[in-house]
Amino acid sequence: MGWNDHVEMVEMKCLACGEIDSWWIWDDTGKARYTGGLGEMLGVDPTRGDKCPHCGSTRGVVYDEDSDDYWDALADEAISKDD
């Protein structure tokens, strides 16, 4: 089992900067196992995952225009900006 078994590339839309890109989403085992020396040796850093690769925000939604969750999250974000 390698480090890439603990990370998933998910296409996300960042709610902070609006960019659509692949985010590295790490599971808890991967974060625990590859943070620190082992991760440095392999050239991976789980602490940089779960964030927008453009601005570093953790506020994002899975980019799937067919999903109700996608549109609900965008509507919630628009409402919060109006307040």
N, C-alpha and C. Protein backbone atom coordinates (compact mmCIF):
# COMPACT_ATOMS: atom_id res chain seq x y z
N MET A 1 0.85 -1.17 0.00
CA MET A 1 0.00 0.00 0.00
C MET A 1 0.90 1.24 0.00
N GLY A 2 0.72 2.11 -0.97
CA GLY A 2 1.55 3.30 -1.09
C GLY A 2 0.81 4.56 -0.66
N TRP A 3 1.52 5.69 -0.69
CA TRP A 3 0.92 6.95 -0.26
C TRP A 3 -0.29 7.32 -1.11
N ASN A 4 -0.24 6.97 -2.40
CA ASN A 4 -1.34 7.37 -3.29
C ASN A 4 -2.62 6.58 -3.03
N ASP A 5 -2.56 5.54 -2.19
CA ASP A 5 -3.78 4.83 -1.80
C ASP A 5 -4.57 5.63 -0.77
N HIS A 6 -3.96 6.66 -0.20
CA HIS A 6 -4.58 7.44 0.86
C HIS A 6 -4.99 8.84 0.40
N VAL A 7 -4.84 9.12 -0.88
CA VAL A 7 -5.19 10.44 -1.40
C VAL A 7 -6.06 10.28 -2.63
N GLU A 8 -7.03 11.18 -2.75
CA GLU A 8 -7.93 11.15 -3.91
C GLU A 8 -7.89 12.53 -4.56
N MET A 9 -7.81 12.56 -5.87
CA MET A 9 -7.86 13.82 -6.61
C MET A 9 -9.32 14.10 -6.94
N VAL A 10 -9.84 15.21 -6.41
CA VAL A 10 -11.25 15.55 -6.59
C VAL A 10 -11.35 16.91 -7.26
N GLU A 11 -12.14 16.99 -8.33
CA GLU A 11 -12.34 18.27 -8.99
C GLU A 11 -13.28 19.12 -8.13
N MET A 12 -12.77 20.27 -7.68
CA MET A 12 -13.50 21.13 -6.76
C MET A 12 -13.57 22.55 -7.29
N LYS A 13 -14.59 23.26 -6.90
CA LYS A 13 -14.69 24.69 -7.17
C LYS A 13 -14.43 25.40 -5.85
N CYS A 14 -13.45 26.28 -5.84
CA CYS A 14 -13.11 27.04 -4.64
C CYS A 14 -14.14 28.15 -4.46
N LEU A 15 -14.70 28.24 -3.27
CA LEU A 15 -15.69 29.27 -2.99
C LEU A 15 -15.04 30.60 -2.65
N ALA A 16 -13.73 30.61 -2.46
CA ALA A 16 -13.02 31.86 -2.15
C ALA A 16 -12.55 32.55 -3.43
N CYS A 17 -11.88 31.82 -4.32
CA CYS A 17 -11.33 32.45 -5.52
C CYS A 17 -12.07 32.07 -6.80
N GLY A 18 -12.94 31.06 -6.73
CA GLY A 18 -13.75 30.67 -7.89
C GLY A 18 -13.06 29.74 -8.87
N GLU A 19 -11.81 29.36 -8.61
CA GLU A 19 -11.09 28.47 -9.52
C GLU A 19 -11.61 27.03 -9.41
N ILE A 20 -11.60 26.34 -10.53
CA ILE A 20 -11.96 24.93 -10.57
C ILE A 20 -10.69 24.15 -10.88
N ASP A 21 -10.33 23.25 -9.98
CA ASP A 21 -9.09 22.49 -10.14
C ASP A 21 -9.19 21.22 -9.31
N SER A 22 -8.21 20.34 -9.46
CA SER A 22 -8.17 19.11 -8.68
C SER A 22 -7.52 19.39 -7.32
N TRP A 23 -8.22 19.01 -6.26
CA TRP A 23 -7.70 19.13 -4.90
C TRP A 23 -7.28 17.74 -4.45
N TRP A 24 -6.20 17.66 -3.69
CA TRP A 24 -5.77 16.41 -3.09
C TRP A 24 -6.51 16.25 -1.78
N ILE A 25 -7.34 15.22 -1.67
CA ILE A 25 -8.10 14.96 -0.45
C ILE A 25 -7.50 13.72 0.21
N TRP A 26 -6.88 13.92 1.38
CA TRP A 26 -6.21 12.85 2.11
C TRP A 26 -7.15 12.22 3.12
N ASP A 27 -7.06 10.90 3.28
CA ASP A 27 -7.81 10.26 4.36
C ASP A 27 -7.00 10.37 5.65
N ASP A 28 -7.63 10.05 6.78
CA ASP A 28 -6.98 10.22 8.08
C ASP A 28 -5.74 9.35 8.23
N THR A 29 -5.77 8.15 7.69
CA THR A 29 -4.61 7.26 7.78
C THR A 29 -3.42 7.85 7.04
N GLY A 30 -3.67 8.38 5.84
CA GLY A 30 -2.59 8.99 5.07
C GLY A 30 -2.01 10.21 5.75
N LYS A 31 -2.87 11.03 6.35
CA LYS A 31 -2.39 12.22 7.06
C LYS A 31 -1.49 11.81 8.22
N ALA A 32 -1.92 10.80 8.97
CA ALA A 32 -1.13 10.35 10.12
C ALA A 32 0.17 9.69 9.70
N ARG A 33 0.14 8.91 8.64
CA ARG A 33 1.29 8.13 8.24
C ARG A 33 2.35 8.97 7.50
N TYR A 34 1.92 9.91 6.68
CA TYR A 34 2.86 10.59 5.79
C TYR A 34 3.17 12.03 6.18
N THR A 35 2.66 12.50 7.31
CA THR A 35 3.07 13.81 7.81
C THR A 35 4.39 13.62 8.55
N GLY A 36 5.38 14.43 8.21
CA GLY A 36 6.67 14.32 8.88
C GLY A 36 7.73 13.70 7.99
N GLY A 37 8.62 12.93 8.62
CA GLY A 37 9.80 12.40 7.95
C GLY A 37 9.51 11.50 6.76
N LEU A 38 8.56 10.59 6.89
CA LEU A 38 8.26 9.68 5.78
C LEU A 38 7.73 10.45 4.59
N GLY A 39 6.85 11.41 4.84
CA GLY A 39 6.32 12.22 3.76
C GLY A 39 7.40 13.04 3.07
N GLU A 40 8.32 13.60 3.85
CA GLU A 40 9.43 14.36 3.27
C GLU A 40 10.29 13.47 2.40
N MET A 41 10.56 12.25 2.87
CA MET A 41 11.39 11.33 2.12
C MET A 41 10.73 10.96 0.78
N LEU A 42 9.40 10.83 0.78
CA LEU A 42 8.67 10.46 -0.43
C LEU A 42 8.27 11.66 -1.28
N GLY A 43 8.43 12.86 -0.73
CA GLY A 43 8.09 14.08 -1.47
C GLY A 43 6.61 14.38 -1.49
N VAL A 44 5.89 13.96 -0.45
CA VAL A 44 4.46 14.26 -0.34
C VAL A 44 4.22 15.01 0.97
N ASP A 45 3.21 15.88 0.97
CA ASP A 45 2.91 16.67 2.16
C ASP A 45 1.39 16.71 2.36
N PRO A 46 0.86 15.82 3.20
CA PRO A 46 -0.58 15.78 3.42
C PRO A 46 -1.14 17.06 4.04
N THR A 47 -0.31 17.85 4.70
CA THR A 47 -0.81 19.08 5.32
C THR A 47 -1.19 20.12 4.28
N ARG A 48 -0.73 19.95 3.04
CA ARG A 48 -1.09 20.88 1.97
C ARG A 48 -2.34 20.43 1.23
N GLY A 49 -2.87 19.27 1.58
CA GLY A 49 -4.07 18.75 0.94
C GLY A 49 -5.33 19.39 1.48
N ASP A 50 -6.44 19.05 0.91
CA ASP A 50 -7.75 19.55 1.31
C ASP A 50 -7.84 21.07 1.21
N LYS A 51 -7.06 21.65 0.31
CA LYS A 51 -7.04 23.11 0.13
C LYS A 51 -6.99 23.44 -1.36
N CYS A 52 -7.44 24.63 -1.70
CA CYS A 52 -7.36 25.11 -3.07
C CYS A 52 -5.90 25.27 -3.46
N PRO A 53 -5.47 24.70 -4.59
CA PRO A 53 -4.08 24.85 -5.01
C PRO A 53 -3.74 26.27 -5.46
N HIS A 54 -4.75 27.12 -5.65
CA HIS A 54 -4.51 28.48 -6.11
C HIS A 54 -4.39 29.48 -4.96
N CYS A 55 -5.34 29.40 -4.01
CA CYS A 55 -5.35 30.41 -2.94
C CYS A 55 -5.17 29.82 -1.55
N GLY A 56 -5.25 28.50 -1.42
CA GLY A 56 -5.06 27.85 -0.12
C GLY A 56 -6.30 27.79 0.75
N SER A 57 -7.44 28.23 0.24
CA SER A 57 -8.68 28.20 1.01
C SER A 57 -9.15 26.76 1.19
N THR A 58 -9.82 26.51 2.29
CA THR A 58 -10.40 25.20 2.54
C THR A 58 -11.88 25.18 2.21
N ARG A 59 -12.41 26.29 1.71
CA ARG A 59 -13.83 26.38 1.37
C ARG A 59 -14.01 26.02 -0.10
N GLY A 60 -14.54 24.85 -0.33
CA GLY A 60 -14.77 24.39 -1.69
C GLY A 60 -15.92 23.41 -1.75
N VAL A 61 -16.38 23.18 -2.94
CA VAL A 61 -17.48 22.24 -3.16
C VAL A 61 -17.10 21.38 -4.36
N VAL A 62 -17.47 20.10 -4.30
CA VAL A 62 -17.19 19.19 -5.41
C VAL A 62 -17.85 19.76 -6.66
N TYR A 63 -17.07 19.88 -7.73
CA TYR A 63 -17.57 20.47 -8.97
C TYR A 63 -18.28 19.42 -9.79
N ASP A 64 -19.59 19.43 -9.68
CA ASP A 64 -20.44 18.52 -10.44
C ASP A 64 -21.74 19.27 -10.70
N GLU A 65 -21.88 19.81 -11.90
CA GLU A 65 -23.04 20.65 -12.21
C GLU A 65 -24.36 19.88 -12.17
N ASP A 66 -24.29 18.57 -12.15
CA ASP A 66 -25.51 17.76 -12.08
C ASP A 66 -25.95 17.50 -10.64
N SER A 67 -25.14 17.93 -9.67
CA SER A 67 -25.42 17.66 -8.27
C SER A 67 -26.17 18.82 -7.62
N ASP A 68 -27.20 18.51 -6.87
CA ASP A 68 -27.92 19.54 -6.12
C ASP A 68 -27.02 20.15 -5.04
N ASP A 69 -26.12 19.35 -4.46
CA ASP A 69 -25.21 19.86 -3.43
C ASP A 69 -24.34 20.98 -3.98
N TYR A 70 -23.92 20.87 -5.22
CA TYR A 70 -23.08 21.89 -5.85
C TYR A 70 -23.84 23.22 -5.91
N TRP A 71 -25.05 23.20 -6.41
CA TRP A 71 -25.81 24.43 -6.57
C TRP A 71 -26.25 24.99 -5.21
N ASP A 72 -26.56 24.12 -4.25
CA ASP A 72 -26.93 24.58 -2.91
C ASP A 72 -25.76 25.29 -2.25
N ALA A 73 -24.55 24.76 -2.41
CA ALA A 73 -23.37 25.39 -1.81
C ALA A 73 -23.09 26.74 -2.45
N LEU A 74 -23.25 26.85 -3.76
CA LEU A 74 -23.04 28.13 -4.42
C LEU A 74 -24.10 29.15 -3.98
N ALA A 75 -25.34 28.70 -3.80
CA ALA A 75 -26.40 29.61 -3.36
C ALA A 75 -26.12 30.07 -1.92
N ASP A 76 -25.70 29.15 -1.05
CA ASP A 76 -25.37 29.51 0.33
C ASP A 76 -24.23 30.52 0.36
N GLU A 77 -23.24 30.31 -0.50
CA GLU A 77 -22.09 31.23 -0.55
C GLU A 77 -22.55 32.61 -1.01
N ALA A 78 -23.41 32.68 -1.99
CA ALA A 78 -23.91 33.97 -2.49
C ALA A 78 -24.70 34.70 -1.41
N ILE A 79 -25.50 33.96 -0.65
CA ILE A 79 -26.29 34.56 0.43
C ILE A 79 -25.38 35.10 1.51
N SER A 80 -24.33 34.34 1.90
CA SER A 80 -23.43 34.80 2.96
C SER A 80 -22.64 36.04 2.54
N LYS A 81 -22.36 36.20 1.24
CA LYS A 81 -21.64 37.39 0.77
C LYS A 81 -22.54 38.62 0.80
N ASP A 82 -23.86 38.43 0.67
CA ASP A 82 -24.81 39.54 0.68
C ASP A 82 -25.00 40.10 2.09
N ASP A 83 -24.79 39.26 3.12
CA ASP A 83 -25.01 39.70 4.50
C ASP A 83 -23.95 40.63 5.00
